[in-house]
Every structure is written in structure tokens, then in C-alpha cells.
Amino acid sequence: MEEQGKRRGGGAKTSRSETVTVRLNPQLRYLAEVEARKQRRTLSSFIEWAIERATQDVNPMLWDVDKTDRFVNMALRAPELLTYEEQKLWKMVREVWLLYKTPRDFSG
């Protein structure tokens, strides 16, 4: 009987990587495989390397280990990339921040 929760399949499983399914046209997949061979990488390693190179200019500005900080970084540095739902959330965050920033007189 197979143990529940046991991983199937081969390949290295690293805790730092996430699995993403993508569609590539046959030509692009072939060319990526050729380039991966030239660099002595697996296809997934090559794709990860290519994405890292393509995003190296925005990575330091937007990435943070904390999801909330990533959201704030995106809102402050690239607001045009926010989804509609993120725009609504950011608007609420700003309004609440302004509410608490404004001095109030509670002497009544």
C-alpha cells in the first residue's frame, strides 16, 4: 500500500521553487531545449535563469519575503501594474492611513 503524502516522479524537489505550468509553441520549446543543452541545464533550470535575467531590473524594487510588503512595493513603485482588485485595496489602505494620520480633538 502506498504511503499517503508521498511524492511521485523524479527530479530534485527544492523548497525554494514553485511549479508553474506554461504553454510553449513547438519552435520556442525546441529552441529553449537547445539553449538549455548549450548551457548544460535542464529545461526548467534554463527557463528559471531566463526569467531571472529578464526581471533583474525590477526585482530589487518589488521583491520582499513578506507578501504585504510586496504589495506596498508594487503600489508605490509600479502602480500601473496593479489589478483592479489591488487598486481598490490600495485606495482603502491610503484612506485608512490618512484617517489615522489626521490629528483629532476628542475633548468633546
PDB file of N, CA and C in Angstrom:
ATOM      1  N   MET A   1       0.835  -1.167   0.000  1.00  0.00           N
ATOM      2  CA  MET A   1       0.000   0.000   0.000  1.00  0.00           C
ATOM      3  C   MET A   1       0.892   1.248   0.000  1.00  0.00           C
ATOM      4  N   GLU A   2       0.500   2.247  -0.820  1.00  0.00           N
ATOM      5  CA  GLU A   2       1.312   3.460  -0.929  1.00  0.00           C
ATOM      6  C   GLU A   2       1.046   4.391   0.253  1.00  0.00           C
ATOM      7  N   GLU A   3       2.105   4.952   0.778  1.00  0.00           N
ATOM      8  CA  GLU A   3       2.007   5.875   1.905  1.00  0.00           C
ATOM      9  C   GLU A   3       1.397   7.191   1.427  1.00  0.00           C
ATOM     10  N   GLN A   4       0.444   7.723   2.180  1.00  0.00           N
ATOM     11  CA  GLN A   4      -0.204   8.975   1.806  1.00  0.00           C
ATOM     12  C   GLN A   4       0.786  10.123   1.924  1.00  0.00           C
ATOM     13  N   GLY A   5       0.700  11.076   0.979  1.00  0.00           N
ATOM     14  CA  GLY A   5       1.564  12.240   1.012  1.00  0.00           C
ATOM     15  C   GLY A   5       2.921  12.018   0.386  1.00  0.00           C
ATOM     16  N   LYS A   6       3.197  10.802  -0.090  1.00  0.00           N
ATOM     17  CA  LYS A   6       4.490  10.512  -0.699  1.00  0.00           C
ATOM     18  C   LYS A   6       4.558  11.163  -2.079  1.00  0.00           C
ATOM     19  N   ARG A   7       5.698  11.747  -2.407  1.00  0.00           N
ATOM     20  CA  ARG A   7       5.876  12.390  -3.705  1.00  0.00           C
ATOM     21  C   ARG A   7       6.068  11.353  -4.791  1.00  0.00           C
ATOM     22  N   ARG A   8       5.536  11.666  -5.949  1.00  0.00           N
ATOM     23  CA  ARG A   8       5.741  10.806  -7.108  1.00  0.00           C
ATOM     24  C   ARG A   8       6.603  11.549  -8.108  1.00  0.00           C
ATOM     25  N   GLY A   9       7.239  10.825  -8.984  1.00  0.00           N
ATOM     26  CA  GLY A   9       8.018  11.448 -10.040  1.00  0.00           C
ATOM     27  C   GLY A   9       9.453  11.667  -9.630  1.00  0.00           C
ATOM     28  N   GLY A  10      10.252  11.967 -10.623  1.00  0.00           N
ATOM     29  CA  GLY A  10      11.673  12.155 -10.364  1.00  0.00           C
ATOM     30  C   GLY A  10      12.033  13.615 -10.303  1.00  0.00           C
ATOM     31  N   GLY A  11      13.299  13.852 -10.292  1.00  0.00           N
ATOM     32  CA  GLY A  11      13.793  15.217 -10.281  1.00  0.00           C
ATOM     33  C   GLY A  11      13.959  15.750  -8.875  1.00  0.00           C
ATOM     34  N   ALA A  12      14.774  16.759  -8.792  1.00  0.00           N
ATOM     35  CA  ALA A  12      15.049  17.369  -7.490  1.00  0.00           C
ATOM     36  C   ALA A  12      13.870  18.216  -7.055  1.00  0.00           C
ATOM     37  N   LYS A  13      13.512  18.108  -5.825  1.00  0.00           N
ATOM     38  CA  LYS A  13      12.441  18.921  -5.258  1.00  0.00           C
ATOM     39  C   LYS A  13      13.094  19.888  -4.279  1.00  0.00           C
ATOM     40  N   THR A  14      13.061  21.166  -4.612  1.00  0.00           N
ATOM     41  CA  THR A  14      13.667  22.151  -3.726  1.00  0.00           C
ATOM     42  C   THR A  14      12.567  22.978  -3.085  1.00  0.00           C
ATOM     43  N   SER A  15      12.783  23.386  -1.871  1.00  0.00           N
ATOM     44  CA  SER A  15      11.768  24.145  -1.149  1.00  0.00           C
ATOM     45  C   SER A  15      11.667  25.577  -1.660  1.00  0.00           C
ATOM     46  N   ARG A  16      12.660  26.060  -2.356  1.00  0.00           N
ATOM     47  CA  ARG A  16      12.629  27.447  -2.810  1.00  0.00           C
ATOM     48  C   ARG A  16      11.894  27.627  -4.126  1.00  0.00           C
ATOM     49  N   SER A  17      11.607  26.566  -4.838  1.00  0.00           N
ATOM     50  CA  SER A  17      10.974  26.664  -6.147  1.00  0.00           C
ATOM     51  C   SER A  17       9.506  26.294  -6.088  1.00  0.00           C
ATOM     52  N   GLU A  18       8.744  26.907  -6.979  1.00  0.00           N
ATOM     53  CA  GLU A  18       7.340  26.580  -7.136  1.00  0.00           C
ATOM     54  C   GLU A  18       7.129  26.058  -8.543  1.00  0.00           C
ATOM     55  N   THR A  19       6.138  25.214  -8.713  1.00  0.00           N
ATOM     56  CA  THR A  19       5.834  24.650 -10.016  1.00  0.00           C
ATOM     57  C   THR A  19       4.853  25.550 -10.744  1.00  0.00           C
ATOM     58  N   VAL A  20       5.165  25.860 -12.002  1.00  0.00           N
ATOM     59  CA  VAL A  20       4.309  26.671 -12.853  1.00  0.00           C
ATOM     60  C   VAL A  20       4.147  25.938 -14.174  1.00  0.00           C
ATOM     61  N   THR A  21       2.924  25.826 -14.647  1.00  0.00           N
ATOM     62  CA  THR A  21       2.670  25.193 -15.932  1.00  0.00           C
ATOM     63  C   THR A  21       2.571  26.275 -16.996  1.00  0.00           C
ATOM     64  N   VAL A  22       3.333  26.135 -18.063  1.00  0.00           N
ATOM     65  CA  VAL A  22       3.300  27.110 -19.157  1.00  0.00           C
ATOM     66  C   VAL A  22       3.106  26.382 -20.483  1.00  0.00           C
ATOM     67  N   ARG A  23       2.587  27.113 -21.459  1.00  0.00           N
ATOM     68  CA  ARG A  23       2.451  26.579 -22.811  1.00  0.00           C
ATOM     69  C   ARG A  23       3.488  27.259 -23.692  1.00  0.00           C
ATOM     70  N   LEU A  24       4.221  26.469 -24.432  1.00  0.00           N
ATOM     71  CA  LEU A  24       5.195  26.987 -25.388  1.00  0.00           C
ATOM     72  C   LEU A  24       4.865  26.413 -26.758  1.00  0.00           C
ATOM     73  N   ASN A  25       4.997  27.241 -27.794  1.00  0.00           N
ATOM     74  CA  ASN A  25       4.804  26.675 -29.122  1.00  0.00           C
ATOM     75  C   ASN A  25       5.991  25.762 -29.412  1.00  0.00           C
ATOM     76  N   PRO A  26       5.845  24.827 -30.342  1.00  0.00           N
ATOM     77  CA  PRO A  26       6.907  23.843 -30.580  1.00  0.00           C
ATOM     78  C   PRO A  26       8.269  24.465 -30.902  1.00  0.00           C
ATOM     79  N   GLN A  27       8.279  25.542 -31.680  1.00  0.00           N
ATOM     80  CA  GLN A  27       9.545  26.181 -32.041  1.00  0.00           C
ATOM     81  C   GLN A  27      10.241  26.748 -30.808  1.00  0.00           C
ATOM     82  N   LEU A  28       9.498  27.455 -29.977  1.00  0.00           N
ATOM     83  CA  LEU A  28      10.092  28.060 -28.784  1.00  0.00           C
ATOM     84  C   LEU A  28      10.580  26.993 -27.812  1.00  0.00           C
ATOM     85  N   ARG A  29       9.819  25.920 -27.659  1.00  0.00           N
ATOM     86  CA  ARG A  29      10.255  24.845 -26.770  1.00  0.00           C
ATOM     87  C   ARG A  29      11.550  24.218 -27.279  1.00  0.00           C
ATOM     88  N   TYR A  30      11.616  23.951 -28.590  1.00  0.00           N
ATOM     89  CA  TYR A  30      12.820  23.355 -29.173  1.00  0.00           C
ATOM     90  C   TYR A  30      14.027  24.261 -28.955  1.00  0.00           C
ATOM     91  N   LEU A  31      13.859  25.553 -29.248  1.00  0.00           N
ATOM     92  CA  LEU A  31      14.976  26.489 -29.092  1.00  0.00           C
ATOM     93  C   LEU A  31      15.399  26.616 -27.628  1.00  0.00           C
ATOM     94  N   ALA A  32      14.438  26.579 -26.713  1.00  0.00           N
ATOM     95  CA  ALA A  32      14.774  26.625 -25.286  1.00  0.00           C
ATOM     96  C   ALA A  32      15.538  25.369 -24.876  1.00  0.00           C
ATOM     97  N   GLU A  33      15.128  24.215 -25.398  1.00  0.00           N
ATOM     98  CA  GLU A  33      15.837  22.970 -25.089  1.00  0.00           C
ATOM     99  C   GLU A  33      17.261  22.993 -25.632  1.00  0.00           C
ATOM    100  N   VAL A  34      17.439  23.543 -26.844  1.00  0.00           N
ATOM    101  CA  VAL A  34      18.777  23.646 -27.432  1.00  0.00           C
ATOM    102  C   VAL A  34      19.654  24.551 -26.571  1.00  0.00           C
ATOM    103  N   GLU A  35      19.122  25.706 -26.193  1.00  0.00           N
ATOM    104  CA  GLU A  35      19.898  26.642 -25.366  1.00  0.00           C
ATOM    105  C   GLU A  35      20.205  26.031 -24.003  1.00  0.00           C
ATOM    106  N   ALA A  36      19.263  25.294 -23.447  1.00  0.00           N
ATOM    107  CA  ALA A  36      19.496  24.624 -22.163  1.00  0.00           C
ATOM    108  C   ALA A  36      20.634  23.614 -22.292  1.00  0.00           C
ATOM    109  N   ARG A  37      20.659  22.874 -23.386  1.00  0.00           N
ATOM    110  CA  ARG A  37      21.757  21.916 -23.619  1.00  0.00           C
ATOM    111  C   ARG A  37      23.096  22.639 -23.707  1.00  0.00           C
ATOM    112  N   LYS A  38      23.110  23.768 -24.445  1.00  0.00           N
ATOM    113  CA  LYS A  38      24.356  24.526 -24.589  1.00  0.00           C
ATOM    114  C   LYS A  38      24.881  24.972 -23.230  1.00  0.00           C
ATOM    115  N   GLN A  39      23.978  25.298 -22.331  1.00  0.00           N
ATOM    116  CA  GLN A  39      24.376  25.763 -21.001  1.00  0.00           C
ATOM    117  C   GLN A  39      24.454  24.624 -19.983  1.00  0.00           C
ATOM    118  N   ARG A  40      24.227  23.407 -20.454  1.00  0.00           N
ATOM    119  CA  ARG A  40      24.241  22.226 -19.588  1.00  0.00           C
ATOM    120  C   ARG A  40      23.274  22.384 -18.408  1.00  0.00           C
ATOM    121  N   ARG A  41      22.063  22.779 -18.750  1.00  0.00           N
ATOM    122  CA  ARG A  41      20.998  22.961 -17.769  1.00  0.00           C
ATOM    123  C   ARG A  41      19.810  22.095 -18.160  1.00  0.00           C
ATOM    124  N   THR A  42      18.927  21.876 -17.194  1.00  0.00           N
ATOM    125  CA  THR A  42      17.640  21.284 -17.535  1.00  0.00           C
ATOM    126  C   THR A  42      16.786  22.381 -18.164  1.00  0.00           C
ATOM    127  N   LEU A  43      15.711  21.995 -18.826  1.00  0.00           N
ATOM    128  CA  LEU A  43      14.821  22.987 -19.425  1.00  0.00           C
ATOM    129  C   LEU A  43      14.242  23.896 -18.345  1.00  0.00           C
ATOM    130  N   SER A  44      13.810  23.326 -17.232  1.00  0.00           N
ATOM    131  CA  SER A  44      13.234  24.161 -16.173  1.00  0.00           C
ATOM    132  C   SER A  44      14.281  25.099 -15.572  1.00  0.00           C
ATOM    133  N   SER A  45      15.508  24.632 -15.425  1.00  0.00           N
ATOM    134  CA  SER A  45      16.580  25.484 -14.913  1.00  0.00           C
ATOM    135  C   SER A  45      16.875  26.626 -15.887  1.00  0.00           C
ATOM    136  N   PHE A  46      16.855  26.328 -17.186  1.00  0.00           N
ATOM    137  CA  PHE A  46      17.085  27.366 -18.190  1.00  0.00           C
ATOM    138  C   PHE A  46      15.972  28.413 -18.151  1.00  0.00           C
ATOM    139  N   ILE A  47      14.724  27.966 -18.064  1.00  0.00           N
ATOM    140  CA  ILE A  47      13.599  28.904 -18.030  1.00  0.00           C
ATOM    141  C   ILE A  47      13.676  29.780 -16.785  1.00  0.00           C
ATOM    142  N   GLU A  48      14.018  29.184 -15.644  1.00  0.00           N
ATOM    143  CA  GLU A  48      14.172  29.957 -14.408  1.00  0.00           C
ATOM    144  C   GLU A  48      15.291  30.991 -14.563  1.00  0.00           C
ATOM    145  N   TRP A  49      16.404  30.593 -15.152  1.00  0.00           N
ATOM    146  CA  TRP A  49      17.526  31.513 -15.384  1.00  0.00           C
ATOM    147  C   TRP A  49      17.103  32.659 -16.307  1.00  0.00           C
ATOM    148  N   ALA A  50      16.361  32.337 -17.382  1.00  0.00           N
ATOM    149  CA  ALA A  50      15.929  33.361 -18.339  1.00  0.00           C
ATOM    150  C   ALA A  50      14.974  34.360 -17.683  1.00  0.00           C
ATOM    151  N   ILE A  51      14.086  33.873 -16.841  1.00  0.00           N
ATOM    152  CA  ILE A  51      13.160  34.772 -16.149  1.00  0.00           C
ATOM    153  C   ILE A  51      13.920  35.658 -15.167  1.00  0.00           C
ATOM    154  N   GLU A  52      14.888  35.090 -14.456  1.00  0.00           N
ATOM    155  CA  GLU A  52      15.703  35.897 -13.534  1.00  0.00           C
ATOM    156  C   GLU A  52      16.425  37.012 -14.279  1.00  0.00           C
ATOM    157  N   ARG A  53      16.979  36.698 -15.445  1.00  0.00           N
ATOM    158  CA  ARG A  53      17.667  37.729 -16.238  1.00  0.00           C
ATOM    159  C   ARG A  53      16.700  38.791 -16.719  1.00  0.00           C
ATOM    160  N   ALA A  54      15.508  38.368 -17.145  1.00  0.00           N
ATOM    161  CA  ALA A  54      14.526  39.312 -17.683  1.00  0.00           C
ATOM    162  C   ALA A  54      13.956  40.236 -16.612  1.00  0.00           C
ATOM    163  N   THR A  55      13.999  39.807 -15.358  1.00  0.00           N
ATOM    164  CA  THR A  55      13.386  40.600 -14.282  1.00  0.00           C
ATOM    165  C   THR A  55      14.399  41.232 -13.337  1.00  0.00           C
ATOM    166  N   GLN A  56      15.673  41.158 -13.644  1.00  0.00           N
ATOM    167  CA  GLN A  56      16.686  41.645 -12.702  1.00  0.00           C
ATOM    168  C   GLN A  56      16.610  43.146 -12.448  1.00  0.00           C
ATOM    169  N   ASP A  57      16.045  43.929 -13.368  1.00  0.00           N
ATOM    170  CA  ASP A  57      15.964  45.371 -13.132  1.00  0.00           C
ATOM    171  C   ASP A  57      14.837  45.747 -12.172  1.00  0.00           C
ATOM    172  N   VAL A  58      13.763  44.961 -12.108  1.00  0.00           N
ATOM    173  CA  VAL A  58      12.662  45.280 -11.192  1.00  0.00           C
ATOM    174  C   VAL A  58      12.708  44.476  -9.901  1.00  0.00           C
ATOM    175  N   ASN A  59      13.450  43.406  -9.875  1.00  0.00           N
ATOM    176  CA  ASN A  59      13.497  42.528  -8.705  1.00  0.00           C
ATOM    177  C   ASN A  59      13.844  43.267  -7.411  1.00  0.00           C
ATOM    178  N   PRO A  60      14.919  44.053  -7.358  1.00  0.00           N
ATOM    179  CA  PRO A  60      15.265  44.713  -6.089  1.00  0.00           C
ATOM    180  C   PRO A  60      14.192  45.702  -5.622  1.00  0.00           C
ATOM    181  N   MET A  61      13.449  46.279  -6.558  1.00  0.00           N
ATOM    182  CA  MET A  61      12.436  47.267  -6.195  1.00  0.00           C
ATOM    183  C   MET A  61      11.149  46.635  -5.680  1.00  0.00           C
ATOM    184  N   LEU A  62      10.786  45.465  -6.212  1.00  0.00           N
ATOM    185  CA  LEU A  62       9.468  44.907  -5.921  1.00  0.00           C
ATOM    186  C   LEU A  62       9.472  43.711  -4.983  1.00  0.00           C
ATOM    187  N   TRP A  63      10.520  42.901  -4.984  1.00  0.00           N
ATOM    188  CA  TRP A  63      10.502  41.667  -4.206  1.00  0.00           C
ATOM    189  C   TRP A  63      10.718  41.930  -2.722  1.00  0.00           C
ATOM    190  N   ASP A  64       9.972  41.217  -1.912  1.00  0.00           N
ATOM    191  CA  ASP A  64      10.179  41.171  -0.473  1.00  0.00           C
ATOM    192  C   ASP A  64       9.676  39.815  -0.005  1.00  0.00           C
ATOM    193  N   VAL A  65      10.249  39.281   1.046  1.00  0.00           N
ATOM    194  CA  VAL A  65       9.807  37.981   1.545  1.00  0.00           C
ATOM    195  C   VAL A  65       8.388  38.056   2.109  1.00  0.00           C
ATOM    196  N   ASP A  66       7.970  39.226   2.551  1.00  0.00           N
ATOM    197  CA  ASP A  66       6.639  39.413   3.110  1.00  0.00           C
ATOM    198  C   ASP A  66       5.663  39.834   2.014  1.00  0.00           C
ATOM    199  N   LYS A  67       4.553  39.117   1.898  1.00  0.00           N
ATOM    200  CA  LYS A  67       3.564  39.380   0.848  1.00  0.00           C
ATOM    201  C   LYS A  67       2.986  40.794   0.948  1.00  0.00           C
ATOM    202  N   THR A  68       2.730  41.267   2.165  1.00  0.00           N
ATOM    203  CA  THR A  68       2.188  42.611   2.351  1.00  0.00           C
ATOM    204  C   THR A  68       3.175  43.663   1.868  1.00  0.00           C
ATOM    205  N   ASP A  69       4.448  43.491   2.192  1.00  0.00           N
ATOM    206  CA  ASP A  69       5.464  44.437   1.730  1.00  0.00           C
ATOM    207  C   ASP A  69       5.607  44.399   0.211  1.00  0.00           C
ATOM    208  N   ARG A  70       5.456  43.216  -0.402  1.00  0.00           N
ATOM    209  CA  ARG A  70       5.489  43.138  -1.872  1.00  0.00           C
ATOM    210  C   ARG A  70       4.354  43.958  -2.473  1.00  0.00           C
ATOM    211  N   PHE A  71       3.168  43.867  -1.867  1.00  0.00           N
ATOM    212  CA  PHE A  71       2.022  44.635  -2.344  1.00  0.00           C
ATOM    213  C   PHE A  71       2.296  46.136  -2.250  1.00  0.00           C
ATOM    214  N   VAL A  72       2.814  46.588  -1.122  1.00  0.00           N
ATOM    215  CA  VAL A  72       3.127  48.011  -0.941  1.00  0.00           C
ATOM    216  C   VAL A  72       4.213  48.443  -1.925  1.00  0.00           C
ATOM    217  N   ASN A  73       5.243  47.628  -2.105  1.00  0.00           N
ATOM    218  CA  ASN A  73       6.295  47.949  -3.075  1.00  0.00           C
ATOM    219  C   ASN A  73       5.715  48.136  -4.469  1.00  0.00           C
ATOM    220  N   MET A  74       4.824  47.234  -4.867  1.00  0.00           N
ATOM    221  CA  MET A  74       4.199  47.331  -6.189  1.00  0.00           C
ATOM    222  C   MET A  74       3.358  48.601  -6.286  1.00  0.00           C
ATOM    223  N   ALA A  75       2.567  48.877  -5.250  1.00  0.00           N
ATOM    224  CA  ALA A  75       1.691  50.046  -5.265  1.00  0.00           C
ATOM    225  C   ALA A  75       2.482  51.349  -5.332  1.00  0.00           C
ATOM    226  N   LEU A  76       3.615  51.407  -4.648  1.00  0.00           N
ATOM    227  CA  LEU A  76       4.416  52.629  -4.633  1.00  0.00           C
ATOM    228  C   LEU A  76       5.298  52.785  -5.865  1.00  0.00           C
ATOM    229  N   ARG A  77       5.843  51.682  -6.366  1.00  0.00           N
ATOM    230  CA  ARG A  77       6.841  51.771  -7.433  1.00  0.00           C
ATOM    231  C   ARG A  77       6.313  51.445  -8.825  1.00  0.00           C
ATOM    232  N   ALA A  78       5.225  50.695  -8.907  1.00  0.00           N
ATOM    233  CA  ALA A  78       4.661  50.336 -10.216  1.00  0.00           C
ATOM    234  C   ALA A  78       3.139  50.255 -10.122  1.00  0.00           C
ATOM    235  N   PRO A  79       2.476  51.352  -9.745  1.00  0.00           N
ATOM    236  CA  PRO A  79       1.022  51.309  -9.552  1.00  0.00           C
ATOM    237  C   PRO A  79       0.253  50.948 -10.818  1.00  0.00           C
ATOM    238  N   GLU A  80       0.831  51.201 -11.968  1.00  0.00           N
ATOM    239  CA  GLU A  80       0.161  50.867 -13.231  1.00  0.00           C
ATOM    240  C   GLU A  80       0.019  49.362 -13.428  1.00  0.00           C
ATOM    241  N   LEU A  81       0.734  48.571 -12.651  1.00  0.00           N
ATOM    242  CA  LEU A  81       0.673  47.117 -12.763  1.00  0.00           C
ATOM    243  C   LEU A  81      -0.337  46.479 -11.807  1.00  0.00           C
ATOM    244  N   LEU A  82      -0.955  47.278 -10.942  1.00  0.00           N
ATOM    245  CA  LEU A  82      -1.937  46.739 -10.008  1.00  0.00           C
ATOM    246  C   LEU A  82      -3.192  46.296 -10.750  1.00  0.00           C
ATOM    247  N   THR A  83      -3.755  45.172 -10.312  1.00  0.00           N
ATOM    248  CA  THR A  83      -5.045  44.739 -10.847  1.00  0.00           C
ATOM    249  C   THR A  83      -6.129  45.652 -10.285  1.00  0.00           C
ATOM    250  N   TYR A  84      -7.328  45.525 -10.812  1.00  0.00           N
ATOM    251  CA  TYR A  84      -8.439  46.333 -10.316  1.00  0.00           C
ATOM    252  C   TYR A  84      -8.673  46.083  -8.824  1.00  0.00           C
ATOM    253  N   GLU A  85      -8.662  44.814  -8.419  1.00  0.00           N
ATOM    254  CA  GLU A  85      -8.863  44.477  -7.003  1.00  0.00           C
ATOM    255  C   GLU A  85      -7.745  45.052  -6.137  1.00  0.00           C
ATOM    256  N   GLU A  86      -6.510  44.999  -6.623  1.00  0.00           N
ATOM    257  CA  GLU A  86      -5.385  45.570  -5.876  1.00  0.00           C
ATOM    258  C   GLU A  86      -5.503  47.088  -5.789  1.00  0.00           C
ATOM    259  N   GLN A  87      -6.003  47.729  -6.847  1.00  0.00           N
ATOM    260  CA  GLN A  87      -6.207  49.178  -6.820  1.00  0.00           C
ATOM    261  C   GLN A  87      -7.233  49.560  -5.752  1.00  0.00           C
ATOM    262  N   LYS A  88      -8.313  48.785  -5.659  1.00  0.00           N
ATOM    263  CA  LYS A  88      -9.327  49.056  -4.631  1.00  0.00           C
ATOM    264  C   LYS A  88      -8.735  48.885  -3.236  1.00  0.00           C
ATOM    265  N   LEU A  89      -7.966  47.836  -3.036  1.00  0.00           N
ATOM    266  CA  LEU A  89      -7.334  47.597  -1.738  1.00  0.00           C
ATOM    267  C   LEU A  89      -6.356  48.719  -1.397  1.00  0.00           C
ATOM    268  N   TRP A  90      -5.550  49.145  -2.369  1.00  0.00           N
ATOM    269  CA  TRP A  90      -4.581  50.208  -2.132  1.00  0.00           C
ATOM    270  C   TRP A  90      -5.283  51.523  -1.787  1.00  0.00           C
ATOM    271  N   LYS A  91      -6.410  51.799  -2.447  1.00  0.00           N
ATOM    272  CA  LYS A  91      -7.183  53.000  -2.144  1.00  0.00           C
ATOM    273  C   LYS A  91      -7.660  52.963  -0.690  1.00  0.00           C
ATOM    274  N   MET A  92      -8.154  51.816  -0.256  1.00  0.00           N
ATOM    275  CA  MET A  92      -8.616  51.669   1.124  1.00  0.00           C
ATOM    276  C   MET A  92      -7.454  51.844   2.107  1.00  0.00           C
ATOM    277  N   VAL A  93      -6.313  51.270   1.810  1.00  0.00           N
ATOM    278  CA  VAL A  93      -5.136  51.400   2.683  1.00  0.00           C
ATOM    279  C   VAL A  93      -4.752  52.867   2.826  1.00  0.00           C
ATOM    280  N   ARG A  94      -4.715  53.597   1.712  1.00  0.00           N
ATOM    281  CA  ARG A  94      -4.346  55.019   1.766  1.00  0.00           C
ATOM    282  C   ARG A  94      -5.357  55.831   2.566  1.00  0.00           C
ATOM    283  N   GLU A  95      -6.653  55.542   2.373  1.00  0.00           N
ATOM    284  CA  GLU A  95      -7.681  56.289   3.099  1.00  0.00           C
ATOM    285  C   GLU A  95      -7.608  56.031   4.599  1.00  0.00           C
ATOM    286  N   VAL A  96      -7.394  54.801   4.998  1.00  0.00           N
ATOM    287  CA  VAL A  96      -7.272  54.472   6.423  1.00  0.00           C
ATOM    288  C   VAL A  96      -6.025  55.128   6.997  1.00  0.00           C
ATOM    289  N   TRP A  97      -4.923  55.106   6.243  1.00  0.00           N
ATOM    290  CA  TRP A  97      -3.687  55.737   6.702  1.00  0.00           C
ATOM    291  C   TRP A  97      -3.912  57.234   6.916  1.00  0.00           C
ATOM    292  N   LEU A  98      -4.606  57.898   5.985  1.00  0.00           N
ATOM    293  CA  LEU A  98      -4.879  59.330   6.135  1.00  0.00           C
ATOM    294  C   LEU A  98      -5.780  59.599   7.334  1.00  0.00           C
ATOM    295  N   LEU A  99      -6.730  58.714   7.581  1.00  0.00           N
ATOM    296  CA  LEU A  99      -7.627  58.865   8.724  1.00  0.00           C
ATOM    297  C   LEU A  99      -6.844  58.852  10.033  1.00  0.00           C
ATOM    298  N   TYR A 100      -5.914  57.925  10.160  1.00  0.00           N
ATOM    299  CA  TYR A 100      -5.129  57.827  11.398  1.00  0.00           C
ATOM    300  C   TYR A 100      -4.028  58.871  11.482  1.00  0.00           C
ATOM    301  N   LYS A 101      -3.625  59.395  10.350  1.00  0.00           N
ATOM    302  CA  LYS A 101      -2.578  60.421  10.334  1.00  0.00           C
ATOM    303  C   LYS A 101      -3.137  61.783  10.751  1.00  0.00           C
ATOM    304  N   THR A 102      -4.427  62.029  10.489  1.00  0.00           N
ATOM    305  CA  THR A 102      -5.049  63.317  10.777  1.00  0.00           C
ATOM    306  C   THR A 102      -5.263  63.481  12.282  1.00  0.00           C
ATOM    307  N   PRO A 103      -4.770  64.587  12.857  1.00  0.00           N
ATOM    308  CA  PRO A 103      -4.969  64.812  14.302  1.00  0.00           C
ATOM    309  C   PRO A 103      -6.459  65.047  14.611  1.00  0.00           C
ATOM    310  N   ARG A 104      -6.923  64.505  15.726  1.00  0.00           N
ATOM    311  CA  ARG A 104      -8.318  64.671  16.124  1.00  0.00           C
ATOM    312  C   ARG A 104      -8.384  65.244  17.543  1.00  0.00           C
ATOM    313  N   ASP A 105      -9.456  65.994  17.773  1.00  0.00           N
ATOM    314  CA  ASP A 105      -9.696  66.534  19.117  1.00  0.00           C
ATOM    315  C   ASP A 105     -10.841  65.745  19.740  1.00  0.00           C
ATOM    316  N   PHE A 106     -10.548  64.962  20.766  1.00  0.00           N
ATOM    317  CA  PHE A 106     -11.564  64.151  21.426  1.00  0.00           C
ATOM    318  C   PHE A 106     -11.980  64.752  22.774  1.00  0.00           C
ATOM    319  N   SER A 107     -11.721  66.038  22.980  1.00  0.00           N
ATOM    320  CA  SER A 107     -12.003  66.643  24.288  1.00  0.00           C
ATOM    321  C   SER A 107     -13.499  66.875  24.501  1.00  0.00           C
ATOM    322  N   GLY A 108     -14.285  66.848  23.438  1.00  0.00           N
ATOM    323  CA  GLY A 108     -15.685  66.844  23.463  1.00  0.00           C
ATOM    324  C   GLY A 108     -16.544  67.812  23.985  1.00  0.00           C
TER     325      GLY A 108
END
